[in-house]
Amino acid sequence: MEPGEGVSPAVGSFVLAQLDAVYVELAVPERLRSGLRVGQTVAVTVDAEPGSQFAGKIEKIQPAATVSSRSFTVKVRVPNAQRVLRPGAFARGTITVAVRSGVLQIPEQAVLVTAGNPVLFVVQNGRAVRREVALGERQGGLVEITSGLTAGDVVIVDGQLGLTDNQLVAPRAP
């Protein structure tokens, strides 16, 4: 607003905001909805504060999904004592919906898809051995292997595109 400027009830003149705590609205895919609970901790990052992470708690989970995105809106309350967070800022949240131990993961780029089946190569006795595997969850560039691989197997992660089954290889450390 500028001095002397006209105001209208249809146009907002200013924003009144309480900054001691802010709310973040997150869109959570419907397949993860069952793992959400009110009171659950959420790690929040904001583009305006790179490198900072804020802890919040789920206060409300919308009962119906948004039709266009098939996601549920989750309202997260984030304490903001230092008043660093501002309304309207773009935020991302991480909600841990399950913790599983003993998961076998490898880099996604190690997996090839041939004839619609995921395969990879492991090193056995100096040879590249082709293995069909079953994939699970993907996260952060890693993919879970649910069958076809055992802990301790040496997986070929780079250069496997031209390999054939039982081809001689010389492994190198990463």
Protein backbone atom coordinates (compact mmCIF):
# COMPACT_ATOMS: atom_id res chain seq x y z
CA MET A 1 0.00 0.00 0.00
CA GLU A 2 1.08 3.52 -0.69
CA PRO A 3 -0.21 6.65 1.09
CA GLY A 4 -3.40 7.86 -0.58
CA GLU A 5 -4.01 4.55 -2.40
CA GLY A 6 -7.63 3.36 -2.51
CA VAL A 7 -8.64 0.13 -0.80
CA SER A 8 -11.33 -2.36 -1.67
CA PRO A 9 -12.92 -5.16 0.37
CA ALA A 10 -12.23 -7.53 -2.54
CA VAL A 11 -8.45 -6.91 -2.51
CA GLY A 12 -6.23 -7.76 0.45
CA SER A 13 -4.30 -4.82 1.82
CA PHE A 14 -1.92 -6.67 4.13
CA VAL A 15 -1.22 -10.04 5.73
CA LEU A 16 -1.39 -10.50 9.47
CA ALA A 17 0.74 -13.46 10.52
CA GLN A 18 1.61 -15.22 13.77
CA LEU A 19 5.23 -16.35 13.38
CA ASP A 20 5.89 -18.22 16.67
CA ALA A 21 4.77 -21.36 14.85
CA VAL A 22 3.98 -21.86 11.20
CA TYR A 23 2.02 -24.50 9.35
CA VAL A 24 3.32 -26.46 6.41
CA GLU A 25 0.92 -28.28 4.12
CA LEU A 26 2.38 -31.38 2.50
CA ALA A 27 0.92 -33.59 -0.21
CA VAL A 28 1.44 -37.25 0.68
CA PRO A 29 0.82 -39.99 -1.94
CA GLU A 30 -2.18 -42.18 -1.18
CA ARG A 31 -0.06 -45.34 -0.99
CA LEU A 32 1.71 -43.89 2.09
CA ARG A 33 -1.47 -42.65 3.82
CA SER A 34 -1.80 -45.69 6.10
CA GLY A 35 1.57 -44.90 7.72
CA LEU A 36 0.56 -41.39 8.84
CA ARG A 37 -0.50 -40.50 12.39
CA VAL A 38 -1.37 -37.23 14.12
CA GLY A 39 1.59 -36.31 16.34
CA GLN A 40 4.14 -37.94 14.04
CA THR A 41 7.45 -36.05 13.65
CA VAL A 42 8.23 -34.41 10.31
CA ALA A 43 11.60 -33.06 9.12
CA VAL A 44 10.99 -29.86 7.15
CA THR A 45 13.37 -28.03 4.83
CA VAL A 46 12.71 -24.63 3.26
CA ASP A 47 14.35 -23.30 0.08
CA ALA A 48 14.80 -19.88 1.72
CA GLU A 49 17.00 -21.46 4.43
CA PRO A 50 19.37 -23.83 2.62
CA GLY A 51 21.12 -26.32 4.88
CA SER A 52 18.61 -25.85 7.71
CA GLN A 53 16.15 -28.44 8.89
CA PHE A 54 13.16 -27.83 11.13
CA ALA A 55 11.19 -30.36 13.18
CA GLY A 56 7.42 -30.31 13.17
CA LYS A 57 4.52 -32.56 14.10
CA ILE A 58 1.50 -33.66 12.09
CA GLU A 59 -1.57 -31.83 13.39
CA LYS A 60 -4.15 -32.80 10.81
CA ILE A 61 -4.55 -35.33 8.00
CA GLN A 62 -7.27 -34.50 5.48
CA PRO A 63 -9.73 -37.40 5.33
CA ALA A 64 -10.18 -37.25 1.54
CA ALA A 65 -7.56 -37.35 -1.19
CA THR A 66 -7.14 -34.60 -3.75
CA VAL A 67 -8.64 -36.10 -6.90
CA SER A 68 -6.20 -34.54 -9.39
CA SER A 69 -3.03 -35.68 -7.58
CA ARG A 70 -4.37 -38.68 -5.61
CA SER A 71 -2.59 -37.36 -2.55
CA PHE A 72 -3.62 -36.46 0.98
CA THR A 73 -2.95 -33.03 2.46
CA VAL A 74 -1.13 -33.18 5.78
CA LYS A 75 -0.95 -30.09 8.00
CA VAL A 76 2.30 -29.89 9.99
CA ARG A 77 2.93 -27.42 12.84
CA VAL A 78 6.54 -26.22 12.97
CA PRO A 79 7.78 -24.20 15.97
CA ASN A 80 9.43 -21.00 14.76
CA ALA A 81 10.85 -19.30 17.87
CA GLN A 82 13.59 -17.54 15.86
CA ARG A 83 10.97 -16.41 13.31
CA VAL A 84 13.08 -17.64 10.42
CA LEU A 85 10.20 -19.28 8.56
CA ARG A 86 7.76 -17.09 6.67
CA PRO A 87 4.25 -17.69 5.34
CA GLY A 88 4.15 -18.60 1.67
CA ALA A 89 7.66 -20.08 1.55
CA PHE A 90 8.18 -23.31 -0.38
CA ALA A 91 8.81 -26.26 1.96
CA ARG A 92 9.52 -29.97 1.69
CA GLY A 93 8.85 -32.52 4.38
CA THR A 94 10.16 -35.96 5.21
CA ILE A 95 7.88 -38.24 7.18
CA THR A 96 9.20 -41.63 8.26
CA VAL A 97 6.29 -44.02 7.78
CA ALA A 98 8.20 -47.27 8.40
CA VAL A 99 11.64 -48.43 9.44
CA ARG A 100 12.93 -51.76 8.21
CA SER A 101 16.28 -53.26 9.14
CA GLY A 102 18.34 -55.73 7.16
CA VAL A 103 17.25 -54.36 3.77
CA LEU A 104 19.56 -55.24 0.89
CA GLN A 105 20.06 -52.15 -1.32
CA ILE A 106 22.26 -51.43 -4.31
CA PRO A 107 22.71 -48.38 -6.56
CA GLU A 108 19.86 -48.13 -9.10
CA GLN A 109 22.29 -47.85 -12.03
CA ALA A 110 23.47 -51.44 -11.38
CA VAL A 111 20.08 -52.79 -12.47
CA LEU A 112 19.37 -53.47 -16.15
CA VAL A 113 15.95 -54.34 -17.54
CA THR A 114 15.91 -57.01 -20.24
CA ALA A 115 12.66 -58.37 -21.67
CA GLY A 116 10.85 -56.56 -18.88
CA ASN A 117 12.81 -58.32 -16.13
CA PRO A 118 15.33 -56.62 -13.83
CA VAL A 119 18.79 -58.19 -13.98
CA LEU A 120 22.23 -57.36 -12.71
CA PHE A 121 25.71 -58.81 -12.87
CA VAL A 122 27.68 -60.12 -9.91
CA VAL A 123 31.33 -61.14 -9.86
CA GLN A 124 32.01 -64.82 -9.16
CA ASN A 125 35.48 -66.34 -9.63
CA GLY A 126 36.55 -63.45 -11.86
CA ARG A 127 33.51 -63.73 -14.13
CA ALA A 128 30.39 -61.60 -14.59
CA VAL A 129 27.37 -63.73 -13.74
CA ARG A 130 23.93 -62.53 -14.82
CA ARG A 131 21.25 -62.65 -12.13
CA GLU A 132 17.54 -62.00 -12.34
CA VAL A 133 16.38 -60.08 -9.28
CA ALA A 134 13.17 -58.83 -7.74
CA LEU A 135 13.05 -55.14 -6.84
CA GLY A 136 11.44 -53.46 -3.86
CA GLU A 137 11.36 -49.85 -2.69
CA ARG A 138 13.49 -47.11 -4.28
CA GLN A 139 14.93 -44.23 -2.32
CA GLY A 140 17.76 -41.78 -2.79
CA GLY A 141 19.34 -43.50 -5.81
CA LEU A 142 19.21 -46.94 -4.18
CA VAL A 143 16.88 -49.84 -4.91
CA GLU A 144 15.94 -52.68 -2.60
CA ILE A 145 16.64 -56.22 -3.85
CA THR A 146 14.06 -58.62 -2.40
CA SER A 147 15.35 -61.78 -4.10
CA GLY A 148 18.15 -62.97 -6.39
CA LEU A 149 21.02 -61.42 -4.44
CA THR A 150 22.62 -62.12 -1.07
CA ALA A 151 24.57 -59.86 1.26
CA GLY A 152 28.26 -59.91 0.36
CA ASP A 153 27.76 -60.47 -3.38
CA VAL A 154 29.96 -58.17 -5.47
CA VAL A 155 27.66 -56.26 -7.82
CA ILE A 156 28.88 -54.64 -11.05
CA VAL A 157 27.61 -51.07 -10.92
CA ASP A 158 29.34 -49.45 -13.88
CA GLY A 159 30.16 -50.76 -17.36
CA GLN A 160 27.69 -53.64 -17.27
CA LEU A 161 25.83 -52.65 -20.45
CA GLY A 162 28.20 -54.55 -22.73
CA LEU A 163 28.65 -57.60 -20.50
CA THR A 164 27.58 -61.11 -21.33
CA ASP A 165 26.95 -63.93 -18.88
CA ASN A 166 30.16 -65.65 -17.69
CA GLN A 167 32.45 -63.04 -19.26
CA LEU A 168 35.83 -62.52 -17.60
CA VAL A 169 36.04 -59.30 -15.56
CA ALA A 170 38.58 -57.57 -13.39
CA PRO A 171 36.81 -55.84 -10.49
CA ARG A 172 38.09 -52.51 -9.29
CA ALA A 173 37.37 -50.77 -6.01
CA PRO A 174 34.99 -47.79 -6.09
